[in-house]
Protein backbone atom coordinates (compact mmCIF):
# COMPACT_ATOMS: atom_id res chain seq x y z
CA UNK A 1 189.03 74.12 -49.10
CA UNK A 2 187.82 75.98 -45.66
CA UNK A 3 188.91 75.69 -42.16
CA UNK A 4 187.34 73.13 -41.05
CA UNK A 5 189.11 71.35 -43.76
CA UNK A 6 192.47 72.51 -43.05
CA UNK A 7 192.14 71.19 -39.03
CA UNK A 8 190.72 67.76 -40.09
CA UNK A 9 194.13 67.74 -42.56
CA UNK A 10 196.19 68.92 -39.67
CA UNK A 11 194.59 66.63 -37.10
CA UNK A 12 195.04 63.63 -39.80
CA UNK A 13 198.80 63.85 -40.60
CA UNK A 14 199.47 64.64 -37.02
CA UNK A 15 197.54 61.48 -35.90
CA UNK A 16 200.28 59.03 -36.74
CA UNK A 17 201.95 59.19 -33.98
CA UNK A 18 199.35 58.59 -31.31
CA UNK A 19 198.42 55.82 -29.39
CA UNK A 20 195.17 53.86 -29.54
CA UNK A 21 193.38 56.23 -26.94
CA UNK A 22 194.58 59.30 -28.76
CA UNK A 23 193.33 58.00 -31.91
CA UNK A 24 190.19 57.52 -30.75
CA UNK A 25 189.59 60.58 -29.65
CA UNK A 26 190.50 62.04 -33.22
CA UNK A 27 188.60 59.78 -35.02
CA UNK A 28 185.58 60.89 -32.59
CA UNK A 29 186.63 64.88 -32.93
CA UNK A 30 187.07 64.02 -37.24
CA UNK A 31 183.40 62.19 -37.04
CA UNK A 32 182.02 65.93 -35.16
CA UNK A 33 183.50 68.07 -37.84
CA UNK A 34 182.16 65.77 -40.67
CA UNK A 35 178.90 65.84 -39.52
CA UNK A 36 179.32 69.90 -39.22
CA UNK A 37 180.51 69.41 -43.27
CA UNK A 38 177.55 67.34 -44.09
CA UNK A 39 175.15 70.26 -43.22
CA UNK A 40 176.47 72.37 -46.19
CA UNK A 41 177.23 69.60 -48.83
CA UNK A 42 174.04 67.15 -48.17
CA UNK A 43 174.43 65.22 -51.08
CA UNK A 44 177.77 63.44 -49.07
CA UNK A 45 177.68 61.16 -46.12
CA UNK A 46 179.97 61.61 -43.25
CA UNK A 47 181.98 58.76 -44.74
CA UNK A 48 182.48 60.10 -47.69
CA UNK A 49 183.45 63.45 -45.95
CA UNK A 50 186.07 61.28 -43.91
CA UNK A 51 186.99 59.83 -47.03
CA UNK A 52 187.86 63.42 -48.76
CA UNK A 53 189.95 64.51 -45.55
CA UNK A 54 191.74 61.20 -46.00
CA UNK A 55 192.94 61.66 -49.41
CA UNK A 56 193.54 65.41 -49.12
CA UNK A 57 195.94 64.93 -46.09
CA UNK A 58 197.81 61.56 -48.09
CA UNK A 59 198.45 63.97 -50.53
CA UNK A 60 199.84 66.61 -48.20
CA UNK A 61 201.77 64.57 -46.26
CA UNK A 62 203.74 64.06 -49.83
CA UNK A 63 204.19 67.29 -49.69
CA UNK A 64 206.15 67.57 -46.61
CA UNK A 65 208.51 65.22 -47.84
């Protein structure tokens, strides 16, 4: 897991308390980050990367409980 992954997971975990406009901004930022990550992993789509981050954030959120 690299720095980009950690930042994306942090954004996802902290986004649960955001309003609609803030969430749109976070989603826009996550898509930009996923496009950067896609350069490394050409076999995966942006949606695949977002799903991967979502899964990791879900697992991390249970560790925080």
